Amino acid sequence: MERRDKINYYLDLAEVVSQRSTCLRRHYGAVIVKNDEVISTGYVGAPRGRQNCTDLGKCIRAELNIPRGERYELCRSVHAEANAIISASRRDMLGASLFLTGLEVSTGEYISNSNSCSMCKRMIINSGIEKVYVRDDKENYRVIDVNSWIEDDESLIGKFGY
């Protein structure tokens, strides 16, 4: 068996973390890594103590037919990236990388053109994370330089979704 490359190894970890997600639509997992050490992990789920969408059996955003990437203030969940950031110290995140894997609950397929939402992008920028690796399929991924989110400030043009 051939040894897995490091980037896909960390994306595989993010995929395993995503299995804890409680969203009815999408399962995301995030892993923050610095100097080949896992700093923290996060998955999609309601804040501690609140009922998850899986417990309630419904998703308000789905009921309202809200498109992907929009109106996250209505979502019950904290996103995987945010949960990973919350669980780490900023000192440990400076210069780190975040690995993100998302799967559609209905099909089990990888989420096409996946990206962090605008709120998570702002948290990633402020955390000091430098690169985000986003899985496109089992072998392929995109590398995003977080500085590009600073230089290409989508909030200035009122862009919705991703």
N, C-alpha and C. Protein backbone atom coordinates (compact mmCIF):
# COMPACT_ATOMS: atom_id res chain seq x y z
N MET A 1 0.84 -1.18 0.00
CA MET A 1 0.00 0.00 0.00
C MET A 1 0.88 1.24 0.00
N GLU A 2 0.53 2.18 -0.87
CA GLU A 2 1.31 3.40 -0.99
C GLU A 2 0.97 4.36 0.15
N ARG A 3 2.00 5.03 0.64
CA ARG A 3 1.83 5.97 1.74
C ARG A 3 1.07 7.21 1.26
N ARG A 4 0.10 7.65 2.03
CA ARG A 4 -0.75 8.80 1.72
C ARG A 4 0.07 10.09 1.87
N ASP A 5 -0.08 11.03 0.91
CA ASP A 5 0.61 12.31 1.05
C ASP A 5 0.01 13.09 2.22
N LYS A 6 0.78 14.01 2.79
CA LYS A 6 0.37 14.70 4.02
C LYS A 6 -0.90 15.53 3.85
N ILE A 7 -1.03 16.21 2.74
CA ILE A 7 -2.21 17.07 2.58
C ILE A 7 -3.47 16.22 2.56
N ASN A 8 -3.49 15.14 1.77
CA ASN A 8 -4.66 14.28 1.76
C ASN A 8 -4.85 13.55 3.09
N TYR A 9 -3.77 13.29 3.80
CA TYR A 9 -3.87 12.70 5.14
C TYR A 9 -4.67 13.64 6.05
N TYR A 10 -4.32 14.93 6.06
CA TYR A 10 -5.04 15.89 6.91
C TYR A 10 -6.47 16.10 6.41
N LEU A 11 -6.67 16.06 5.11
CA LEU A 11 -8.04 16.15 4.57
C LEU A 11 -8.85 14.90 4.93
N ASP A 12 -8.19 13.74 4.97
CA ASP A 12 -8.86 12.51 5.43
C ASP A 12 -9.27 12.66 6.89
N LEU A 13 -8.40 13.25 7.72
CA LEU A 13 -8.76 13.50 9.12
C LEU A 13 -9.98 14.41 9.21
N ALA A 14 -9.99 15.46 8.39
CA ALA A 14 -11.13 16.38 8.37
C ALA A 14 -12.41 15.63 7.97
N GLU A 15 -12.28 14.70 7.05
CA GLU A 15 -13.44 13.91 6.64
C GLU A 15 -13.95 13.04 7.79
N VAL A 16 -13.05 12.44 8.53
CA VAL A 16 -13.45 11.64 9.70
C VAL A 16 -14.13 12.55 10.73
N VAL A 17 -13.57 13.72 10.97
CA VAL A 17 -14.15 14.67 11.92
C VAL A 17 -15.57 15.05 11.47
N SER A 18 -15.78 15.18 10.16
CA SER A 18 -17.10 15.57 9.64
C SER A 18 -18.19 14.56 10.00
N GLN A 19 -17.81 13.33 10.32
CA GLN A 19 -18.79 12.31 10.67
C GLN A 19 -19.52 12.62 11.98
N ARG A 20 -19.02 13.57 12.76
CA ARG A 20 -19.67 14.01 13.99
C ARG A 20 -20.69 15.12 13.72
N SER A 21 -20.76 15.64 12.50
CA SER A 21 -21.66 16.75 12.16
C SER A 21 -23.11 16.38 12.42
N THR A 22 -23.88 17.39 12.80
CA THR A 22 -25.30 17.16 13.11
C THR A 22 -26.21 17.95 12.18
N CYS A 23 -25.67 18.50 11.12
CA CYS A 23 -26.46 19.21 10.11
C CYS A 23 -27.17 18.18 9.24
N LEU A 24 -28.39 18.50 8.83
CA LEU A 24 -29.16 17.60 7.97
C LEU A 24 -28.81 17.76 6.50
N ARG A 25 -28.10 18.83 6.14
CA ARG A 25 -27.79 19.12 4.74
C ARG A 25 -26.36 18.77 4.35
N ARG A 26 -25.41 19.23 5.18
CA ARG A 26 -24.00 19.06 4.83
C ARG A 26 -23.17 18.74 6.06
N HIS A 27 -22.22 17.84 5.87
CA HIS A 27 -21.29 17.49 6.94
C HIS A 27 -19.91 18.03 6.59
N TYR A 28 -19.42 18.92 7.42
CA TYR A 28 -18.09 19.48 7.25
C TYR A 28 -17.22 19.12 8.43
N GLY A 29 -15.95 18.92 8.15
CA GLY A 29 -14.95 18.74 9.18
C GLY A 29 -13.77 19.64 8.88
N ALA A 30 -13.18 20.20 9.93
CA ALA A 30 -12.02 21.08 9.79
C ALA A 30 -10.93 20.62 10.74
N VAL A 31 -9.70 20.71 10.26
CA VAL A 31 -8.53 20.37 11.07
C VAL A 31 -7.52 21.50 10.90
N ILE A 32 -7.06 22.05 12.02
CA ILE A 32 -6.02 23.08 11.98
C ILE A 32 -4.70 22.41 12.31
N VAL A 33 -3.70 22.66 11.45
CA VAL A 33 -2.39 22.01 11.58
C VAL A 33 -1.29 23.06 11.52
N LYS A 34 -0.31 22.93 12.41
CA LYS A 34 0.88 23.78 12.36
C LYS A 34 2.10 22.93 12.64
N ASN A 35 3.10 23.06 11.79
CA ASN A 35 4.34 22.29 11.93
C ASN A 35 4.06 20.79 12.06
N ASP A 36 3.16 20.29 11.22
CA ASP A 36 2.79 18.88 11.21
C ASP A 36 2.22 18.39 12.52
N GLU A 37 1.58 19.27 13.26
CA GLU A 37 0.91 18.90 14.51
C GLU A 37 -0.53 19.38 14.44
N VAL A 38 -1.46 18.49 14.73
CA VAL A 38 -2.87 18.88 14.75
C VAL A 38 -3.10 19.76 15.99
N ILE A 39 -3.58 20.96 15.74
CA ILE A 39 -3.83 21.93 16.80
C ILE A 39 -5.25 21.78 17.34
N SER A 40 -6.22 21.63 16.43
CA SER A 40 -7.61 21.44 16.85
C SER A 40 -8.44 20.92 15.68
N THR A 41 -9.64 20.49 16.02
CA THR A 41 -10.59 20.01 15.01
C THR A 41 -11.95 20.64 15.28
N GLY A 42 -12.80 20.63 14.27
CA GLY A 42 -14.16 21.13 14.45
C GLY A 42 -15.08 20.52 13.42
N TYR A 43 -16.34 20.41 13.79
CA TYR A 43 -17.37 19.91 12.88
C TYR A 43 -18.61 20.77 13.05
N VAL A 44 -19.56 20.63 12.14
CA VAL A 44 -20.79 21.41 12.16
C VAL A 44 -21.73 20.87 13.23
N GLY A 45 -22.20 21.75 14.10
CA GLY A 45 -23.15 21.34 15.12
C GLY A 45 -23.67 22.53 15.90
N ALA A 46 -24.80 22.35 16.54
CA ALA A 46 -25.40 23.41 17.36
C ALA A 46 -24.49 23.73 18.54
N PRO A 47 -24.60 24.94 19.09
CA PRO A 47 -23.82 25.28 20.27
C PRO A 47 -24.08 24.30 21.41
N ARG A 48 -23.09 24.12 22.25
CA ARG A 48 -23.20 23.18 23.37
C ARG A 48 -24.49 23.42 24.15
N GLY A 49 -25.21 22.34 24.42
CA GLY A 49 -26.43 22.43 25.20
C GLY A 49 -27.69 22.65 24.39
N ARG A 50 -27.55 23.15 23.17
CA ARG A 50 -28.73 23.35 22.32
C ARG A 50 -29.01 22.09 21.51
N GLN A 51 -30.25 21.94 21.10
CA GLN A 51 -30.61 20.79 20.26
C GLN A 51 -30.02 20.96 18.87
N ASN A 52 -29.55 19.86 18.33
CA ASN A 52 -29.03 19.82 16.97
C ASN A 52 -30.17 19.63 15.98
N CYS A 53 -29.91 19.97 14.74
CA CYS A 53 -30.92 19.75 13.69
C CYS A 53 -31.27 18.26 13.57
N THR A 54 -30.27 17.39 13.78
CA THR A 54 -30.55 15.95 13.74
C THR A 54 -31.51 15.55 14.86
N ASP A 55 -31.45 16.24 16.01
CA ASP A 55 -32.38 15.97 17.12
C ASP A 55 -33.78 16.48 16.79
N LEU A 56 -33.84 17.64 16.16
CA LEU A 56 -35.12 18.27 15.83
C LEU A 56 -35.78 17.66 14.60
N GLY A 57 -34.94 17.08 13.73
CA GLY A 57 -35.45 16.49 12.50
C GLY A 57 -35.84 17.52 11.44
N LYS A 58 -35.30 18.74 11.56
CA LYS A 58 -35.61 19.75 10.56
C LYS A 58 -34.50 20.79 10.48
N CYS A 59 -34.46 21.44 9.33
CA CYS A 59 -33.50 22.51 9.07
C CYS A 59 -34.29 23.73 8.61
N ILE A 60 -34.18 24.79 9.36
CA ILE A 60 -34.95 26.00 9.02
C ILE A 60 -34.53 26.57 7.67
N ARG A 61 -33.24 26.52 7.36
CA ARG A 61 -32.77 27.06 6.08
C ARG A 61 -33.32 26.23 4.92
N ALA A 62 -33.42 24.91 5.10
CA ALA A 62 -34.00 24.06 4.06
C ALA A 62 -35.48 24.34 3.90
N GLU A 63 -36.18 24.50 5.03
CA GLU A 63 -37.62 24.79 4.98
C GLU A 63 -37.90 26.11 4.26
N LEU A 64 -37.00 27.07 4.37
CA LEU A 64 -37.17 28.38 3.74
C LEU A 64 -36.53 28.45 2.35
N ASN A 65 -35.98 27.32 1.88
CA ASN A 65 -35.33 27.24 0.57
C ASN A 65 -34.23 28.29 0.39
N ILE A 66 -33.43 28.46 1.42
CA ILE A 66 -32.34 29.43 1.36
C ILE A 66 -31.15 28.77 0.65
N PRO A 67 -30.61 29.44 -0.37
CA PRO A 67 -29.49 28.87 -1.13
C PRO A 67 -28.23 28.71 -0.28
N ARG A 68 -27.41 27.80 -0.71
CA ARG A 68 -26.12 27.55 -0.08
C ARG A 68 -25.31 28.85 -0.04
N GLY A 69 -24.71 29.11 1.10
CA GLY A 69 -23.84 30.27 1.23
C GLY A 69 -24.55 31.55 1.66
N GLU A 70 -25.85 31.47 1.93
CA GLU A 70 -26.61 32.68 2.28
C GLU A 70 -27.36 32.49 3.59
N ARG A 71 -27.60 33.60 4.28
CA ARG A 71 -28.44 33.70 5.48
C ARG A 71 -28.03 32.75 6.60
N TYR A 72 -26.74 32.67 6.86
CA TYR A 72 -26.27 31.77 7.91
C TYR A 72 -26.69 32.19 9.31
N GLU A 73 -27.14 33.42 9.46
CA GLU A 73 -27.63 33.83 10.78
C GLU A 73 -28.86 33.02 11.21
N LEU A 74 -29.54 32.38 10.24
CA LEU A 74 -30.70 31.55 10.55
C LEU A 74 -30.32 30.11 10.91
N CYS A 75 -29.09 29.75 10.66
CA CYS A 75 -28.63 28.38 10.90
C CYS A 75 -28.43 28.14 12.39
N ARG A 76 -28.82 26.98 12.86
CA ARG A 76 -28.65 26.60 14.28
C ARG A 76 -27.20 26.24 14.60
N SER A 77 -26.44 25.90 13.58
CA SER A 77 -25.11 25.32 13.80
C SER A 77 -24.00 26.34 13.83
N VAL A 78 -22.92 25.92 14.49
CA VAL A 78 -21.63 26.60 14.40
C VAL A 78 -20.85 25.81 13.34
N HIS A 79 -20.23 26.52 12.41
CA HIS A 79 -19.52 25.85 11.32
C HIS A 79 -18.25 25.17 11.81
N ALA A 80 -17.80 24.21 11.02
CA ALA A 80 -16.62 23.41 11.36
C ALA A 80 -15.39 24.30 11.57
N GLU A 81 -15.17 25.25 10.67
CA GLU A 81 -14.01 26.13 10.79
C GLU A 81 -14.07 26.93 12.09
N ALA A 82 -15.26 27.47 12.40
CA ALA A 82 -15.43 28.25 13.62
C ALA A 82 -15.19 27.39 14.85
N ASN A 83 -15.72 26.18 14.88
CA ASN A 83 -15.50 25.30 16.03
C ASN A 83 -14.02 24.96 16.21
N ALA A 84 -13.31 24.74 15.10
CA ALA A 84 -11.87 24.46 15.20
C ALA A 84 -11.12 25.68 15.74
N ILE A 85 -11.48 26.87 15.27
CA ILE A 85 -10.83 28.10 15.73
C ILE A 85 -11.11 28.35 17.20
N ILE A 86 -12.36 28.13 17.62
CA ILE A 86 -12.74 28.32 19.02
C ILE A 86 -11.92 27.43 19.95
N SER A 87 -11.55 26.25 19.46
CA SER A 87 -10.84 25.27 20.29
C SER A 87 -9.33 25.44 20.30
N ALA A 88 -8.81 26.46 19.64
CA ALA A 88 -7.36 26.65 19.55
C ALA A 88 -6.98 28.04 20.06
N SER A 89 -5.73 28.18 20.45
CA SER A 89 -5.25 29.51 20.83
C SER A 89 -4.73 30.21 19.59
N ARG A 90 -4.86 31.53 19.56
CA ARG A 90 -4.39 32.28 18.40
C ARG A 90 -2.89 32.06 18.20
N ARG A 91 -2.15 32.00 19.27
CA ARG A 91 -0.71 31.78 19.18
C ARG A 91 -0.40 30.52 18.37
N ASP A 92 -1.19 29.47 18.58
CA ASP A 92 -0.97 28.22 17.85
C ASP A 92 -1.44 28.30 16.41
N MET A 93 -2.36 29.21 16.11
CA MET A 93 -2.90 29.29 14.75
C MET A 93 -2.08 30.19 13.83
N LEU A 94 -1.26 31.08 14.39
CA LEU A 94 -0.46 31.98 13.56
C LEU A 94 0.43 31.18 12.61
N GLY A 95 0.20 31.34 11.31
CA GLY A 95 0.98 30.62 10.31
C GLY A 95 0.51 29.20 10.05
N ALA A 96 -0.59 28.79 10.66
CA ALA A 96 -1.09 27.42 10.50
C ALA A 96 -1.87 27.25 9.20
N SER A 97 -2.28 26.03 8.95
CA SER A 97 -3.14 25.68 7.81
C SER A 97 -4.42 25.05 8.32
N LEU A 98 -5.50 25.30 7.61
CA LEU A 98 -6.79 24.68 7.93
C LEU A 98 -7.16 23.76 6.79
N PHE A 99 -7.55 22.54 7.12
CA PHE A 99 -7.95 21.53 6.14
C PHE A 99 -9.45 21.32 6.28
N LEU A 100 -10.19 21.44 5.16
CA LEU A 100 -11.65 21.43 5.19
C LEU A 100 -12.20 20.41 4.21
N THR A 101 -13.06 19.54 4.71
CA THR A 101 -13.74 18.55 3.87
C THR A 101 -15.23 18.62 4.13
N GLY A 102 -16.02 18.66 3.05
CA GLY A 102 -17.47 18.71 3.17
C GLY A 102 -18.14 17.65 2.31
N LEU A 103 -19.21 17.08 2.85
CA LEU A 103 -19.97 16.04 2.14
C LEU A 103 -21.46 16.37 2.19
N GLU A 104 -22.14 16.13 1.07
CA GLU A 104 -23.59 16.29 1.00
C GLU A 104 -24.23 15.12 1.75
N VAL A 105 -25.12 15.42 2.68
CA VAL A 105 -25.76 14.36 3.45
C VAL A 105 -26.62 13.47 2.55
N SER A 106 -27.33 14.08 1.62
CA SER A 106 -28.28 13.32 0.79
C SER A 106 -27.61 12.32 -0.15
N THR A 107 -26.39 12.63 -0.59
CA THR A 107 -25.73 11.77 -1.57
C THR A 107 -24.44 11.14 -1.07
N GLY A 108 -23.84 11.71 -0.05
CA GLY A 108 -22.53 11.26 0.41
C GLY A 108 -21.39 11.75 -0.45
N GLU A 109 -21.72 12.55 -1.47
CA GLU A 109 -20.71 13.08 -2.40
C GLU A 109 -19.99 14.28 -1.77
N TYR A 110 -18.77 14.52 -2.25
CA TYR A 110 -18.06 15.72 -1.83
C TYR A 110 -18.79 16.95 -2.35
N ILE A 111 -18.79 18.01 -1.58
CA ILE A 111 -19.48 19.24 -1.97
C ILE A 111 -18.66 19.94 -3.05
N SER A 112 -19.28 20.18 -4.20
CA SER A 112 -18.56 20.80 -5.30
C SER A 112 -18.34 22.29 -5.02
N ASN A 113 -17.17 22.76 -5.42
CA ASN A 113 -16.80 24.17 -5.24
C ASN A 113 -16.98 24.65 -3.81
N SER A 114 -16.70 23.78 -2.87
CA SER A 114 -16.84 24.11 -1.47
C SER A 114 -15.88 25.24 -1.09
N ASN A 115 -16.29 26.03 -0.13
CA ASN A 115 -15.46 27.11 0.37
C ASN A 115 -16.01 27.53 1.72
N SER A 116 -15.25 28.29 2.45
CA SER A 116 -15.73 28.83 3.72
C SER A 116 -16.72 29.95 3.45
N CYS A 117 -17.72 30.07 4.32
CA CYS A 117 -18.68 31.17 4.18
C CYS A 117 -18.00 32.48 4.56
N SER A 118 -18.65 33.60 4.32
CA SER A 118 -18.04 34.90 4.59
C SER A 118 -17.74 35.09 6.07
N MET A 119 -18.58 34.57 6.95
CA MET A 119 -18.32 34.70 8.39
C MET A 119 -17.09 33.89 8.79
N CYS A 120 -16.97 32.67 8.28
CA CYS A 120 -15.81 31.85 8.61
C CYS A 120 -14.54 32.43 8.00
N LYS A 121 -14.65 33.01 6.81
CA LYS A 121 -13.48 33.65 6.21
C LYS A 121 -12.95 34.75 7.12
N ARG A 122 -13.84 35.55 7.68
CA ARG A 122 -13.40 36.62 8.58
C ARG A 122 -12.71 36.05 9.82
N MET A 123 -13.24 34.96 10.36
CA MET A 123 -12.61 34.34 11.53
C MET A 123 -11.25 33.74 11.18
N ILE A 124 -11.16 33.11 10.01
CA ILE A 124 -9.90 32.53 9.57
C ILE A 124 -8.85 33.62 9.40
N ILE A 125 -9.24 34.73 8.77
CA ILE A 125 -8.33 35.86 8.60
C ILE A 125 -7.81 36.33 9.96
N ASN A 126 -8.72 36.57 10.90
CA ASN A 126 -8.31 37.10 12.22
C ASN A 126 -7.55 36.09 13.06
N SER A 127 -7.71 34.80 12.79
CA SER A 127 -7.03 33.77 13.58
C SER A 127 -5.54 33.71 13.28
N GLY A 128 -5.14 34.18 12.10
CA GLY A 128 -3.74 34.10 11.71
C GLY A 128 -3.41 32.88 10.86
N ILE A 129 -4.42 32.09 10.52
CA ILE A 129 -4.23 30.95 9.62
C ILE A 129 -3.81 31.49 8.26
N GLU A 130 -2.82 30.84 7.64
CA GLU A 130 -2.28 31.34 6.36
C GLU A 130 -2.84 30.64 5.13
N LYS A 131 -3.13 29.35 5.24
CA LYS A 131 -3.60 28.59 4.07
C LYS A 131 -4.80 27.74 4.45
N VAL A 132 -5.70 27.58 3.48
CA VAL A 132 -6.85 26.70 3.64
C VAL A 132 -6.81 25.70 2.49
N TYR A 133 -6.88 24.43 2.83
CA TYR A 133 -6.93 23.35 1.84
C TYR A 133 -8.35 22.83 1.83
N VAL A 134 -8.97 22.83 0.65
CA VAL A 134 -10.37 22.41 0.53
C VAL A 134 -10.44 21.20 -0.38
N ARG A 135 -11.02 20.12 0.12
CA ARG A 135 -11.13 18.88 -0.65
C ARG A 135 -12.21 19.01 -1.72
N ASP A 136 -11.85 18.61 -2.96
CA ASP A 136 -12.81 18.56 -4.06
C ASP A 136 -13.28 17.13 -4.32
N ASP A 137 -12.40 16.17 -4.15
CA ASP A 137 -12.74 14.75 -4.22
C ASP A 137 -11.68 14.00 -3.43
N LYS A 138 -11.70 12.70 -3.45
CA LYS A 138 -10.84 11.90 -2.58
C LYS A 138 -9.35 12.18 -2.78
N GLU A 139 -8.96 12.63 -3.95
CA GLU A 139 -7.54 12.86 -4.24
C GLU A 139 -7.20 14.32 -4.51
N ASN A 140 -8.17 15.13 -4.90
CA ASN A 140 -7.90 16.49 -5.36
C ASN A 140 -8.42 17.53 -4.38
N TYR A 141 -7.71 18.63 -4.34
CA TYR A 141 -8.03 19.71 -3.41
C TYR A 141 -7.55 21.04 -3.99
N ARG A 142 -8.03 22.11 -3.40
CA ARG A 142 -7.58 23.45 -3.74
C ARG A 142 -6.83 24.04 -2.55
N VAL A 143 -5.85 24.88 -2.84
CA VAL A 143 -5.12 25.57 -1.79
C VAL A 143 -5.47 27.05 -1.91
N ILE A 144 -5.93 27.61 -0.81
CA ILE A 144 -6.31 29.02 -0.81
C ILE A 144 -5.37 29.77 0.12
N ASP A 145 -4.73 30.80 -0.41
CA ASP A 145 -3.91 31.69 0.40
C ASP A 145 -4.87 32.66 1.07
N VAL A 146 -4.91 32.68 2.37
CA VAL A 146 -5.87 33.49 3.11
C VAL A 146 -5.72 34.97 2.76
N ASN A 147 -4.52 35.40 2.41
CA ASN A 147 -4.34 36.80 1.98
C ASN A 147 -5.21 37.17 0.80
N SER A 148 -5.55 36.18 -0.04
CA SER A 148 -6.42 36.47 -1.19
C SER A 148 -7.81 36.90 -0.73
N TRP A 149 -8.24 36.43 0.44
CA TRP A 149 -9.54 36.84 0.99
C TRP A 149 -9.48 38.27 1.51
N ILE A 150 -8.30 38.72 1.88
CA ILE A 150 -8.13 40.10 2.32
C ILE A 150 -8.10 41.01 1.10
N GLU A 151 -7.32 40.63 0.11
CA GLU A 151 -7.17 41.44 -1.10
C GLU A 151 -8.44 41.48 -1.94
N ASP A 152 -9.16 40.37 -2.02
CA ASP A 152 -10.41 40.28 -2.79
C ASP A 152 -11.56 40.27 -1.79
N ASP A 153 -11.85 41.43 -1.22
CA ASP A 153 -12.85 41.57 -0.17
C ASP A 153 -14.26 41.53 -0.77
N GLU A 154 -14.86 40.33 -0.76
CA GLU A 154 -16.19 40.14 -1.36
C GLU A 154 -17.28 40.96 -0.68
N SER A 155 -17.04 41.35 0.57
CA SER A 155 -18.07 42.12 1.30
C SER A 155 -18.25 43.52 0.70
N LEU A 156 -17.25 44.01 -0.05
CA LEU A 156 -17.36 45.34 -0.65
C LEU A 156 -18.33 45.38 -1.83
N ILE A 157 -18.57 44.21 -2.44
CA ILE A 157 -19.47 44.18 -3.60
C ILE A 157 -20.81 43.52 -3.29
N GLY A 158 -21.00 43.11 -2.06
CA GLY A 158 -22.28 42.51 -1.66
C GLY A 158 -22.53 41.16 -2.27
N LYS A 159 -21.46 40.38 -2.50
CA LYS A 159 -21.57 39.05 -3.11
C LYS A 159 -22.28 38.09 -2.15
N PHE A 160 -23.21 37.30 -2.67
CA PHE A 160 -23.90 36.29 -1.89
C PHE A 160 -23.36 34.91 -2.23
N GLY A 161 -23.41 34.01 -1.26
CA GLY A 161 -23.00 32.62 -1.50
C GLY A 161 -21.53 32.51 -1.78
N TYR A 162 -21.17 31.39 -2.41
CA TYR A 162 -19.78 31.16 -2.79
C TYR A 162 -19.72 30.22 -3.95
